[in-house]
Amino acid sequence: MRIYFTRHGESQANRLSEFSNRGLRHGLTRQGRQQAAALVERLRGLSIARIYSSPVLRAIETSVIIANLLDLDYEVTEALREYDVGVLEGRSDEASWLAWKKVFDAVMIDKDYDARIEGGESFNDIRARFLPFVEGLVRQYGDTDQGVLCVSHGGLYWMMLPLILQNVDFELISRRGLDYTACVVAEARPQGLVCVEWNGAEVI
């Protein structure tokens, strides 16, 4: 099996630099819709059985565009939601982004996996919902030739992909980045999930 981890298209929140990790407030921009449609052409012809989407509006809209153009079903799951930033939700000021960066660095550099923004999620909280979901996909599709598409968010992927992909770490993600509708292709092998492609480029 293969799992295609893709990020949503550009959203209104991205344009505003606003934390918007809950609910249905900010949808895709026109450019974001075009990015989702362009992703369809990269996915066309692949053996994808189902789409799984974050419940945040920008991911749902990306999933709907892909599902309609590829004639696939999609399912919304909390496991793929962007991580909750607590009291920073809805804010866009510089002080809020500095507070977010402090916690992000505490997690990714200092390995403080219980660090969190007040009212938000820690690394351990995110792991507790994401890993069982991926393990379930492997159990369901692992012995098949089918693939599944996961539509989620840059922050979640940045933290979680190194946990599930044998050949991906923080340094690789920092170097290659995760732009809008970037697609990371993971293949199930005896030793676990291995990244075979990062947004069109081969990963060894």
N, C-alpha and C. Protein backbone atom coordinates (compact mmCIF):
# COMPACT_ATOMS: atom_id res chain seq x y z
N MET A 1 0.83 -1.20 0.00
CA MET A 1 0.00 0.00 0.00
C MET A 1 0.86 1.25 0.00
N ARG A 2 0.24 2.34 -0.38
CA ARG A 2 0.89 3.64 -0.27
C ARG A 2 -0.06 4.63 0.40
N ILE A 3 0.52 5.48 1.23
CA ILE A 3 -0.24 6.57 1.82
C ILE A 3 0.30 7.88 1.26
N TYR A 4 -0.59 8.68 0.71
CA TYR A 4 -0.22 9.97 0.14
C TYR A 4 -0.62 11.05 1.15
N PHE A 5 0.38 11.60 1.83
CA PHE A 5 0.14 12.67 2.80
C PHE A 5 0.26 14.01 2.07
N THR A 6 -0.85 14.72 1.96
CA THR A 6 -0.80 16.01 1.27
C THR A 6 -1.30 17.12 2.18
N ARG A 7 -0.75 18.30 1.97
CA ARG A 7 -1.20 19.48 2.68
C ARG A 7 -2.32 20.13 1.88
N HIS A 8 -3.21 20.84 2.56
CA HIS A 8 -4.30 21.58 1.92
C HIS A 8 -3.76 22.69 1.02
N GLY A 9 -4.64 23.25 0.20
CA GLY A 9 -4.28 24.42 -0.59
C GLY A 9 -4.25 25.69 0.25
N GLU A 10 -3.77 26.77 -0.34
CA GLU A 10 -3.70 28.05 0.38
C GLU A 10 -5.08 28.47 0.86
N SER A 11 -5.14 28.95 2.10
CA SER A 11 -6.42 29.38 2.67
C SER A 11 -6.41 30.87 3.00
N GLN A 12 -7.59 31.38 3.33
CA GLN A 12 -7.70 32.77 3.74
C GLN A 12 -6.89 33.01 5.01
N ALA A 13 -6.86 32.03 5.91
CA ALA A 13 -6.08 32.18 7.15
C ALA A 13 -4.60 32.30 6.85
N ASN A 14 -4.13 31.56 5.85
CA ASN A 14 -2.72 31.67 5.46
C ASN A 14 -2.41 33.08 4.97
N ARG A 15 -3.30 33.63 4.18
CA ARG A 15 -3.10 35.00 3.68
C ARG A 15 -3.07 36.02 4.82
N LEU A 16 -3.89 35.76 5.86
CA LEU A 16 -4.00 36.67 6.99
C LEU A 16 -2.95 36.41 8.06
N SER A 17 -2.19 35.32 7.91
CA SER A 17 -1.25 34.87 8.96
C SER A 17 -1.97 34.71 10.29
N GLU A 18 -3.17 34.14 10.23
CA GLU A 18 -4.01 33.97 11.41
C GLU A 18 -4.04 32.51 11.85
N PHE A 19 -3.93 32.27 13.14
CA PHE A 19 -4.11 30.93 13.66
C PHE A 19 -5.58 30.54 13.50
N SER A 20 -5.83 29.49 12.74
CA SER A 20 -7.20 29.07 12.48
C SER A 20 -7.22 27.55 12.38
N ASN A 21 -7.12 26.91 13.52
CA ASN A 21 -6.96 25.46 13.56
C ASN A 21 -8.19 24.73 14.08
N ARG A 22 -9.30 25.46 14.19
CA ARG A 22 -10.55 24.85 14.62
C ARG A 22 -11.66 25.21 13.64
N GLY A 23 -12.55 24.27 13.42
CA GLY A 23 -13.83 24.57 12.77
C GLY A 23 -13.79 25.01 11.33
N LEU A 24 -14.76 25.81 10.96
CA LEU A 24 -15.05 26.08 9.55
C LEU A 24 -14.98 27.57 9.23
N ARG A 25 -14.01 28.26 9.78
CA ARG A 25 -13.97 29.72 9.61
C ARG A 25 -13.34 30.16 8.30
N HIS A 26 -12.18 29.61 7.93
CA HIS A 26 -11.45 30.10 6.76
C HIS A 26 -11.33 29.01 5.70
N GLY A 27 -11.91 29.29 4.54
CA GLY A 27 -11.80 28.35 3.42
C GLY A 27 -10.62 28.66 2.52
N LEU A 28 -10.57 27.96 1.40
CA LEU A 28 -9.49 28.17 0.44
C LEU A 28 -9.62 29.50 -0.29
N THR A 29 -8.50 30.06 -0.66
CA THR A 29 -8.49 31.18 -1.59
C THR A 29 -8.69 30.65 -3.01
N ARG A 30 -8.85 31.55 -3.94
CA ARG A 30 -8.94 31.12 -5.34
C ARG A 30 -7.69 30.36 -5.75
N GLN A 31 -6.53 30.85 -5.32
CA GLN A 31 -5.29 30.16 -5.63
C GLN A 31 -5.26 28.77 -4.98
N GLY A 32 -5.79 28.68 -3.76
CA GLY A 32 -5.84 27.39 -3.08
C GLY A 32 -6.69 26.38 -3.82
N ARG A 33 -7.80 26.84 -4.39
CA ARG A 33 -8.65 25.94 -5.18
C ARG A 33 -7.93 25.48 -6.44
N GLN A 34 -7.18 26.39 -7.04
CA GLN A 34 -6.40 26.03 -8.23
C GLN A 34 -5.31 25.02 -7.87
N GLN A 35 -4.69 25.20 -6.71
CA GLN A 35 -3.66 24.26 -6.27
C GLN A 35 -4.24 22.86 -6.06
N ALA A 36 -5.45 22.79 -5.48
CA ALA A 36 -6.09 21.50 -5.27
C ALA A 36 -6.41 20.82 -6.60
N ALA A 37 -6.88 21.61 -7.56
CA ALA A 37 -7.18 21.05 -8.88
C ALA A 37 -5.91 20.56 -9.58
N ALA A 38 -4.83 21.30 -9.40
CA ALA A 38 -3.55 20.88 -10.00
C ALA A 38 -3.05 19.59 -9.37
N LEU A 39 -3.28 19.43 -8.06
CA LEU A 39 -2.87 18.20 -7.38
C LEU A 39 -3.60 17.00 -7.97
N VAL A 40 -4.84 17.20 -8.36
CA VAL A 40 -5.61 16.10 -8.96
C VAL A 40 -4.87 15.51 -10.15
N GLU A 41 -4.28 16.36 -10.97
CA GLU A 41 -3.58 15.86 -12.15
C GLU A 41 -2.37 15.03 -11.78
N ARG A 42 -1.74 15.33 -10.64
CA ARG A 42 -0.61 14.52 -10.18
C ARG A 42 -1.08 13.18 -9.62
N LEU A 43 -2.31 13.15 -9.11
CA LEU A 43 -2.85 11.94 -8.50
C LEU A 43 -3.61 11.05 -9.49
N ARG A 44 -4.00 11.63 -10.60
CA ARG A 44 -4.83 10.89 -11.56
C ARG A 44 -4.10 9.64 -12.04
N GLY A 45 -4.81 8.54 -12.06
CA GLY A 45 -4.23 7.28 -12.51
C GLY A 45 -3.64 6.43 -11.41
N LEU A 46 -3.50 7.02 -10.21
CA LEU A 46 -2.98 6.25 -9.09
C LEU A 46 -4.12 5.43 -8.47
N SER A 47 -3.76 4.34 -7.84
CA SER A 47 -4.76 3.46 -7.23
C SER A 47 -5.08 3.95 -5.82
N ILE A 48 -5.95 4.95 -5.73
CA ILE A 48 -6.33 5.52 -4.44
C ILE A 48 -7.75 5.08 -4.11
N ALA A 49 -7.90 4.43 -2.96
CA ALA A 49 -9.19 3.86 -2.58
C ALA A 49 -10.08 4.87 -1.87
N ARG A 50 -9.48 5.79 -1.10
CA ARG A 50 -10.29 6.68 -0.27
C ARG A 50 -9.47 7.89 0.14
N ILE A 51 -10.18 8.98 0.42
CA ILE A 51 -9.56 10.21 0.92
C ILE A 51 -9.97 10.40 2.38
N TYR A 52 -8.99 10.73 3.20
CA TYR A 52 -9.26 11.07 4.60
C TYR A 52 -8.86 12.52 4.82
N SER A 53 -9.73 13.28 5.47
CA SER A 53 -9.52 14.72 5.59
C SER A 53 -9.57 15.19 7.04
N SER A 54 -8.74 16.18 7.33
CA SER A 54 -8.87 16.96 8.56
C SER A 54 -10.24 17.64 8.57
N PRO A 55 -10.82 17.89 9.76
CA PRO A 55 -12.12 18.57 9.83
C PRO A 55 -12.04 20.09 9.70
N VAL A 56 -10.84 20.64 9.51
CA VAL A 56 -10.70 22.09 9.34
C VAL A 56 -11.08 22.45 7.90
N LEU A 57 -11.78 23.57 7.73
CA LEU A 57 -12.42 23.89 6.45
C LEU A 57 -11.47 23.85 5.26
N ARG A 58 -10.28 24.38 5.38
CA ARG A 58 -9.38 24.42 4.23
C ARG A 58 -9.00 23.02 3.76
N ALA A 59 -8.91 22.08 4.69
CA ALA A 59 -8.62 20.70 4.31
C ALA A 59 -9.85 20.02 3.70
N ILE A 60 -11.02 20.28 4.28
CA ILE A 60 -12.26 19.71 3.72
C ILE A 60 -12.47 20.19 2.29
N GLU A 61 -12.30 21.49 2.06
CA GLU A 61 -12.50 22.02 0.70
C GLU A 61 -11.50 21.41 -0.28
N THR A 62 -10.27 21.24 0.15
CA THR A 62 -9.27 20.58 -0.70
C THR A 62 -9.70 19.16 -1.02
N SER A 63 -10.17 18.44 -0.01
CA SER A 63 -10.61 17.06 -0.19
C SER A 63 -11.80 16.96 -1.12
N VAL A 64 -12.74 17.88 -0.99
CA VAL A 64 -13.95 17.85 -1.83
C VAL A 64 -13.58 18.05 -3.30
N ILE A 65 -12.69 18.99 -3.57
CA ILE A 65 -12.26 19.22 -4.95
C ILE A 65 -11.63 17.96 -5.52
N ILE A 66 -10.73 17.35 -4.77
CA ILE A 66 -10.06 16.14 -5.24
C ILE A 66 -11.05 14.99 -5.40
N ALA A 67 -11.94 14.83 -4.40
CA ALA A 67 -12.91 13.74 -4.45
C ALA A 67 -13.84 13.87 -5.65
N ASN A 68 -14.29 15.08 -5.93
CA ASN A 68 -15.20 15.29 -7.06
C ASN A 68 -14.52 15.01 -8.39
N LEU A 69 -13.29 15.47 -8.54
CA LEU A 69 -12.61 15.33 -9.82
C LEU A 69 -12.09 13.90 -10.05
N LEU A 70 -11.85 13.17 -8.97
CA LEU A 70 -11.36 11.79 -9.11
C LEU A 70 -12.45 10.76 -8.83
N ASP A 71 -13.67 11.23 -8.53
CA ASP A 71 -14.80 10.34 -8.25
C ASP A 71 -14.47 9.38 -7.11
N LEU A 72 -14.03 9.96 -5.99
CA LEU A 72 -13.68 9.17 -4.81
C LEU A 72 -14.53 9.63 -3.62
N ASP A 73 -14.66 8.75 -2.64
CA ASP A 73 -15.30 9.12 -1.38
C ASP A 73 -14.27 9.74 -0.46
N TYR A 74 -14.74 10.62 0.43
CA TYR A 74 -13.82 11.16 1.43
C TYR A 74 -14.47 11.05 2.80
N GLU A 75 -13.62 10.98 3.80
CA GLU A 75 -14.07 10.82 5.19
C GLU A 75 -13.32 11.81 6.06
N VAL A 76 -14.05 12.51 6.92
CA VAL A 76 -13.44 13.49 7.82
C VAL A 76 -13.04 12.80 9.12
N THR A 77 -11.82 13.04 9.58
CA THR A 77 -11.34 12.43 10.82
C THR A 77 -10.59 13.42 11.68
N GLU A 78 -10.85 13.39 12.98
CA GLU A 78 -10.16 14.26 13.93
C GLU A 78 -8.66 13.97 13.97
N ALA A 79 -8.28 12.76 13.59
CA ALA A 79 -6.86 12.38 13.66
C ALA A 79 -5.98 13.28 12.81
N LEU A 80 -6.53 13.88 11.76
CA LEU A 80 -5.75 14.68 10.83
C LEU A 80 -5.89 16.19 11.06
N ARG A 81 -6.63 16.58 12.09
CA ARG A 81 -6.81 18.00 12.38
C ARG A 81 -5.47 18.64 12.74
N GLU A 82 -5.31 19.89 12.33
CA GLU A 82 -4.11 20.64 12.74
C GLU A 82 -4.12 20.79 14.26
N TYR A 83 -2.92 20.86 14.85
CA TYR A 83 -2.89 20.87 16.31
C TYR A 83 -3.44 22.17 16.88
N ASP A 84 -4.12 22.03 18.01
CA ASP A 84 -4.82 23.14 18.64
C ASP A 84 -3.81 24.08 19.30
N VAL A 85 -3.95 25.38 19.02
CA VAL A 85 -3.03 26.38 19.59
C VAL A 85 -3.67 27.16 20.73
N GLY A 86 -4.75 26.62 21.27
CA GLY A 86 -5.34 27.19 22.48
C GLY A 86 -5.68 28.66 22.39
N VAL A 87 -5.13 29.46 23.32
CA VAL A 87 -5.48 30.88 23.42
C VAL A 87 -5.02 31.70 22.22
N LEU A 88 -4.18 31.13 21.37
CA LEU A 88 -3.72 31.87 20.18
C LEU A 88 -4.70 31.78 19.02
N GLU A 89 -5.70 30.89 19.11
CA GLU A 89 -6.66 30.72 18.03
C GLU A 89 -7.30 32.06 17.66
N GLY A 90 -7.32 32.35 16.36
CA GLY A 90 -7.94 33.58 15.86
C GLY A 90 -7.04 34.80 15.90
N ARG A 91 -5.81 34.64 16.41
CA ARG A 91 -4.90 35.79 16.50
C ARG A 91 -3.88 35.77 15.37
N SER A 92 -3.34 36.94 15.07
CA SER A 92 -2.37 37.06 13.98
C SER A 92 -1.24 38.03 14.31
N ASP A 93 -1.18 38.52 15.54
CA ASP A 93 -0.19 39.53 15.91
C ASP A 93 1.18 38.89 16.12
N GLU A 94 2.20 39.72 16.06
CA GLU A 94 3.58 39.25 16.15
C GLU A 94 3.86 38.55 17.47
N ALA A 95 3.31 39.07 18.56
CA ALA A 95 3.55 38.47 19.87
C ALA A 95 3.02 37.04 19.93
N SER A 96 1.89 36.81 19.29
CA SER A 96 1.31 35.47 19.28
C SER A 96 2.19 34.50 18.49
N TRP A 97 2.72 34.96 17.37
CA TRP A 97 3.59 34.09 16.58
C TRP A 97 4.91 33.81 17.31
N LEU A 98 5.40 34.78 18.08
CA LEU A 98 6.61 34.54 18.88
C LEU A 98 6.33 33.52 19.99
N ALA A 99 5.13 33.60 20.58
CA ALA A 99 4.75 32.62 21.60
C ALA A 99 4.63 31.23 21.00
N TRP A 100 4.06 31.15 19.81
CA TRP A 100 3.96 29.87 19.12
C TRP A 100 5.35 29.31 18.81
N LYS A 101 6.25 30.16 18.32
CA LYS A 101 7.60 29.72 17.96
C LYS A 101 8.35 29.19 19.19
N LYS A 102 8.13 29.81 20.32
CA LYS A 102 8.80 29.37 21.55
C LYS A 102 8.39 27.94 21.90
N VAL A 103 7.10 27.65 21.80
CA VAL A 103 6.62 26.30 22.12
C VAL A 103 7.05 25.32 21.04
N PHE A 104 6.97 25.72 19.78
CA PHE A 104 7.39 24.83 18.69
C PHE A 104 8.85 24.43 18.84
N ASP A 105 9.71 25.39 19.18
CA ASP A 105 11.13 25.09 19.38
C ASP A 105 11.34 24.20 20.60
N ALA A 106 10.54 24.41 21.64
CA ALA A 106 10.65 23.57 22.83
C ALA A 106 10.37 22.11 22.48
N VAL A 107 9.42 21.91 21.57
CA VAL A 107 9.07 20.55 21.16
C VAL A 107 10.11 19.98 20.20
N MET A 108 10.39 20.69 19.13
CA MET A 108 11.19 20.14 18.04
C MET A 108 12.70 20.17 18.32
N ILE A 109 13.15 21.12 19.11
CA ILE A 109 14.60 21.23 19.39
C ILE A 109 14.94 20.66 20.76
N ASP A 110 14.15 21.05 21.77
CA ASP A 110 14.45 20.62 23.14
C ASP A 110 13.79 19.29 23.51
N LYS A 111 12.92 18.78 22.62
CA LYS A 111 12.23 17.50 22.84
C LYS A 111 11.36 17.51 24.10
N ASP A 112 10.77 18.66 24.38
CA ASP A 112 9.82 18.75 25.49
C ASP A 112 8.43 18.43 24.94
N TYR A 113 8.07 17.16 24.98
CA TYR A 113 6.85 16.70 24.30
C TYR A 113 5.57 16.98 25.07
N ASP A 114 5.70 17.60 26.24
CA ASP A 114 4.51 18.02 26.98
C ASP A 114 4.30 19.53 26.89
N ALA A 115 5.21 20.23 26.20
CA ALA A 115 5.07 21.69 26.05
C ALA A 115 3.81 21.99 25.25
N ARG A 116 3.13 23.05 25.62
CA ARG A 116 1.91 23.43 24.91
C ARG A 116 1.62 24.90 25.14
N ILE A 117 0.88 25.48 24.21
CA ILE A 117 0.32 26.80 24.40
C ILE A 117 -0.89 26.63 25.31
N GLU A 118 -1.15 27.59 26.17
CA GLU A 118 -2.27 27.49 27.11
C GLU A 118 -3.56 27.12 26.38
N GLY A 119 -4.18 26.04 26.81
CA GLY A 119 -5.43 25.60 26.21
C GLY A 119 -5.26 24.78 24.94
N GLY A 120 -4.02 24.57 24.52
CA GLY A 120 -3.77 23.86 23.27
C GLY A 120 -3.27 22.44 23.48
N GLU A 121 -2.80 21.83 22.40
CA GLU A 121 -2.34 20.45 22.42
C GLU A 121 -0.82 20.37 22.53
N SER A 122 -0.36 19.33 23.19
CA SER A 122 1.06 19.03 23.23
C SER A 122 1.39 18.04 22.12
N PHE A 123 2.68 17.82 21.90
CA PHE A 123 3.16 16.81 20.96
C PHE A 123 2.58 15.45 21.32
N ASN A 124 2.57 15.12 22.60
CA ASN A 124 2.04 13.84 23.04
C ASN A 124 0.54 13.71 22.75
N ASP A 125 -0.20 14.80 22.88
CA ASP A 125 -1.63 14.78 22.55
C ASP A 125 -1.85 14.47 21.07
N ILE A 126 -1.05 15.13 20.23
CA ILE A 126 -1.19 14.93 18.78
C ILE A 126 -0.83 13.49 18.41
N ARG A 127 0.26 13.01 18.98
CA ARG A 127 0.70 11.64 18.71
C ARG A 127 -0.38 10.63 19.10
N ALA A 128 -1.09 10.89 20.20
CA ALA A 128 -2.09 9.95 20.70
C ALA A 128 -3.27 9.78 19.74
N ARG A 129 -3.53 10.79 18.89
CA ARG A 129 -4.63 10.64 17.93
C ARG A 129 -4.15 10.28 16.53
N PHE A 130 -2.93 10.68 16.20
CA PHE A 130 -2.44 10.48 14.83
C PHE A 130 -1.89 9.07 14.61
N LEU A 131 -1.06 8.59 15.52
CA LEU A 131 -0.43 7.28 15.31
C LEU A 131 -1.43 6.13 15.21
N PRO A 132 -2.43 6.05 16.10
CA PRO A 132 -3.40 4.96 15.95
C PRO A 132 -4.15 5.00 14.63
N PHE A 133 -4.41 6.20 14.12
CA PHE A 133 -5.08 6.34 12.83
C PHE A 133 -4.23 5.75 11.71
N VAL A 134 -2.95 6.10 11.67
CA VAL A 134 -2.07 5.58 10.63
C VAL A 134 -1.89 4.07 10.77
N GLU A 135 -1.76 3.60 12.01
CA GLU A 135 -1.65 2.16 12.22
C GLU A 135 -2.89 1.44 11.72
N GLY A 136 -4.05 2.06 11.88
CA GLY A 136 -5.29 1.48 11.37
C GLY A 136 -5.31 1.40 9.85
N LEU A 137 -4.78 2.45 9.19
CA LEU A 137 -4.70 2.42 7.73
C LEU A 137 -3.81 1.28 7.25
N VAL A 138 -2.69 1.09 7.93
CA VAL A 138 -1.76 0.02 7.55
C VAL A 138 -2.42 -1.35 7.75
N ARG A 139 -3.15 -1.50 8.85
CA ARG A 139 -3.84 -2.78 9.06
C ARG A 139 -4.89 -3.03 7.98
N GLN A 140 -5.58 -1.98 7.57
CA GLN A 140 -6.67 -2.14 6.61
C GLN A 140 -6.17 -2.33 5.18
N TYR A 141 -5.14 -1.59 4.80
CA TYR A 141 -4.71 -1.59 3.41
C TYR A 141 -3.31 -2.18 3.18
N GLY A 142 -2.61 -2.53 4.25
CA GLY A 142 -1.20 -2.88 4.15
C GLY A 142 -0.88 -4.02 3.20
N ASP A 143 -1.77 -4.97 3.08
CA ASP A 143 -1.50 -6.12 2.21
C ASP A 143 -2.15 -5.97 0.84
N THR A 144 -2.53 -4.76 0.48
CA THR A 144 -3.18 -4.52 -0.81
C THR A 144 -2.29 -3.63 -1.68
N ASP A 145 -2.70 -3.46 -2.93
CA ASP A 145 -2.00 -2.56 -3.84
C ASP A 145 -2.66 -1.19 -3.87
N GLN A 146 -3.61 -0.96 -2.98
CA GLN A 146 -4.34 0.30 -2.97
C GLN A 146 -3.60 1.36 -2.17
N GLY A 147 -3.96 2.61 -2.44
CA GLY A 147 -3.41 3.73 -1.69
C GLY A 147 -4.53 4.52 -1.05
N VAL A 148 -4.18 5.36 -0.09
CA VAL A 148 -5.13 6.29 0.52
C VAL A 148 -4.48 7.67 0.54
N LEU A 149 -5.32 8.68 0.46
CA LEU A 149 -4.87 10.07 0.46
C LEU A 149 -5.30 10.72 1.76
N CYS A 150 -4.36 11.30 2.47
CA CYS A 150 -4.63 12.03 3.71
C CYS A 150 -4.41 13.52 3.47
N VAL A 151 -5.43 14.31 3.72
CA VAL A 151 -5.35 15.76 3.51
C VAL A 151 -5.30 16.42 4.89
N SER A 152 -4.16 17.03 5.21
CA SER A 152 -3.99 17.58 6.55
C SER A 152 -3.19 18.88 6.49
N HIS A 153 -2.31 19.10 7.45
CA HIS A 153 -1.72 20.41 7.68
C HIS A 153 -0.21 20.33 7.89
N GLY A 154 0.46 21.43 7.60
CA GLY A 154 1.90 21.47 7.70
C GLY A 154 2.42 21.23 9.11
N GLY A 155 1.79 21.84 10.10
CA GLY A 155 2.26 21.69 11.47
C GLY A 155 2.18 20.26 11.96
N LEU A 156 1.04 19.62 11.71
CA LEU A 156 0.88 18.22 12.11
C LEU A 156 1.89 17.33 11.41
N TYR A 157 2.04 17.50 10.10
CA TYR A 157 3.00 16.66 9.36
C TYR A 157 4.43 16.90 9.85
N TRP A 158 4.76 18.15 10.12
CA TRP A 158 6.11 18.49 10.55
C TRP A 158 6.48 17.72 11.81
N MET A 159 5.53 17.62 12.73
CA MET A 159 5.78 16.91 13.98
C MET A 159 5.66 15.40 13.87
N MET A 160 4.69 14.94 13.09
CA MET A 160 4.33 13.52 13.12
C MET A 160 5.01 12.64 12.07
N LEU A 161 5.32 13.16 10.90
CA LEU A 161 5.89 12.29 9.87
C LEU A 161 7.20 11.62 10.29
N PRO A 162 8.08 12.32 11.04
CA PRO A 162 9.30 11.62 11.49
C PRO A 162 9.02 10.44 12.42
N LEU A 163 7.85 10.40 13.03
CA LEU A 163 7.51 9.30 13.92
C LEU A 163 7.12 8.04 13.15
N ILE A 164 6.58 8.20 11.96
CA ILE A 164 6.02 7.05 11.25
C ILE A 164 6.81 6.66 10.00
N LEU A 165 7.67 7.56 9.49
CA LEU A 165 8.42 7.27 8.28
C LEU A 165 9.87 6.97 8.65
N GLN A 166 10.33 5.80 8.28
CA GLN A 166 11.62 5.31 8.71
C GLN A 166 12.80 6.19 8.27
N ASN A 167 12.65 6.85 7.14
CA ASN A 167 13.77 7.61 6.57
C ASN A 167 13.52 9.12 6.53
N VAL A 168 12.65 9.61 7.41
CA VAL A 168 12.35 11.05 7.46
C VAL A 168 12.63 11.56 8.86
N ASP A 169 13.33 12.70 8.93
CA ASP A 169 13.56 13.35 10.21
C ASP A 169 13.29 14.85 10.08
N PHE A 170 13.45 15.55 11.20
CA PHE A 170 13.18 16.98 11.25
C PHE A 170 14.05 17.73 10.25
N GLU A 171 15.31 17.30 10.11
CA GLU A 171 16.24 17.99 9.20
C GLU A 171 15.77 17.86 7.76
N LEU A 172 15.27 16.68 7.37
CA LEU A 172 14.80 16.49 6.00
C LEU A 172 13.60 17.39 5.71
N ILE A 173 12.66 17.44 6.65
CA ILE A 173 11.49 18.29 6.45
C ILE A 173 11.90 19.75 6.37
N SER A 174 12.83 20.16 7.22
CA SER A 174 13.31 21.56 7.19
C SER A 174 13.92 21.89 5.84
N ARG A 175 14.63 20.93 5.27
CA ARG A 175 15.32 21.16 3.99
C ARG A 175 14.36 21.17 2.81
N ARG A 176 13.41 20.24 2.81
CA ARG A 176 12.53 20.07 1.65
C ARG A 176 11.24 20.88 1.75
N GLY A 177 10.79 21.17 2.96
CA GLY A 177 9.61 21.99 3.14
C GLY A 177 8.30 21.26 2.84
N LEU A 178 7.20 21.93 3.20
CA LEU A 178 5.85 21.38 2.97
C LEU A 178 4.95 22.50 2.47
N ASP A 179 5.04 22.80 1.20
CA ASP A 179 4.25 23.88 0.62
C ASP A 179 2.80 23.42 0.45
N TYR A 180 1.95 24.35 0.03
CA TYR A 180 0.54 24.01 -0.21
C TYR A 180 0.43 22.87 -1.23
N THR A 181 -0.39 21.89 -0.91
CA THR A 181 -0.64 20.68 -1.71
C THR A 181 0.61 19.88 -2.02
N ALA A 182 1.68 20.09 -1.24
CA ALA A 182 2.84 19.19 -1.35
C ALA A 182 2.37 17.78 -1.00
N CYS A 183 2.96 16.78 -1.63
CA CYS A 183 2.53 15.40 -1.43
C CYS A 183 3.73 14.54 -1.04
N VAL A 184 3.62 13.89 0.10
CA VAL A 184 4.64 12.97 0.60
C VAL A 184 4.11 11.56 0.44
N VAL A 185 4.84 10.73 -0.29
CA VAL A 185 4.38 9.38 -0.59
C VAL A 185 5.09 8.38 0.30
N ALA A 186 4.31 7.62 1.07
CA ALA A 186 4.86 6.60 1.97
C ALA A 186 4.43 5.22 1.49
N GLU A 187 5.35 4.29 1.54
CA GLU A 187 5.08 2.91 1.11
C GLU A 187 5.25 1.96 2.29
N ALA A 188 4.29 1.04 2.44
CA ALA A 188 4.37 0.04 3.51
C ALA A 188 5.33 -1.07 3.12
N ARG A 189 6.35 -1.26 3.95
CA ARG A 189 7.33 -2.31 3.75
C ARG A 189 7.47 -3.12 5.03
N PRO A 190 8.14 -4.28 4.99
CA PRO A 190 8.24 -5.11 6.19
C PRO A 190 8.77 -4.37 7.42
N GLN A 191 9.69 -3.42 7.21
CA GLN A 191 10.26 -2.68 8.34
C GLN A 191 9.41 -1.50 8.78
N GLY A 192 8.32 -1.23 8.07
CA GLY A 192 7.45 -0.12 8.41
C GLY A 192 7.21 0.78 7.20
N LEU A 193 6.68 1.97 7.45
CA LEU A 193 6.43 2.92 6.38
C LEU A 193 7.72 3.64 5.99
N VAL A 194 7.95 3.73 4.69
CA VAL A 194 9.15 4.38 4.16
C VAL A 194 8.72 5.45 3.16
N CYS A 195 9.31 6.64 3.26
CA CYS A 195 9.03 7.70 2.31
C CYS A 195 9.77 7.42 1.00
N VAL A 196 9.03 7.34 -0.10
CA VAL A 196 9.65 7.07 -1.39
C VAL A 196 9.66 8.30 -2.30
N GLU A 197 8.85 9.30 -1.94
CA GLU A 197 8.80 10.51 -2.77
C GLU A 197 8.36 11.69 -1.92
N TRP A 198 9.05 12.82 -2.12
CA TRP A 198 8.71 14.04 -1.38
C TRP A 198 8.38 15.12 -2.40
N ASN A 199 7.10 15.30 -2.61
CA ASN A 199 6.61 16.32 -3.55
C ASN A 199 7.29 16.22 -4.91
N GLY A 200 7.31 15.01 -5.46
CA GLY A 200 7.84 14.81 -6.80
C GLY A 200 9.30 14.41 -6.87
N ALA A 201 10.03 14.53 -5.75
CA ALA A 201 11.44 14.19 -5.72
C ALA A 201 11.64 12.86 -4.98
N GLU A 202 12.47 12.01 -5.51
CA GLU A 202 12.73 10.71 -4.91
C GLU A 202 13.45 10.89 -3.57
N VAL A 203 13.10 10.04 -2.60
CA VAL A 203 13.77 10.01 -1.31
C VAL A 203 14.44 8.66 -1.16
N ILE A 204 15.73 8.67 -0.84
CA ILE A 204 16.49 7.41 -0.71
C ILE A 204 16.67 7.08 0.77
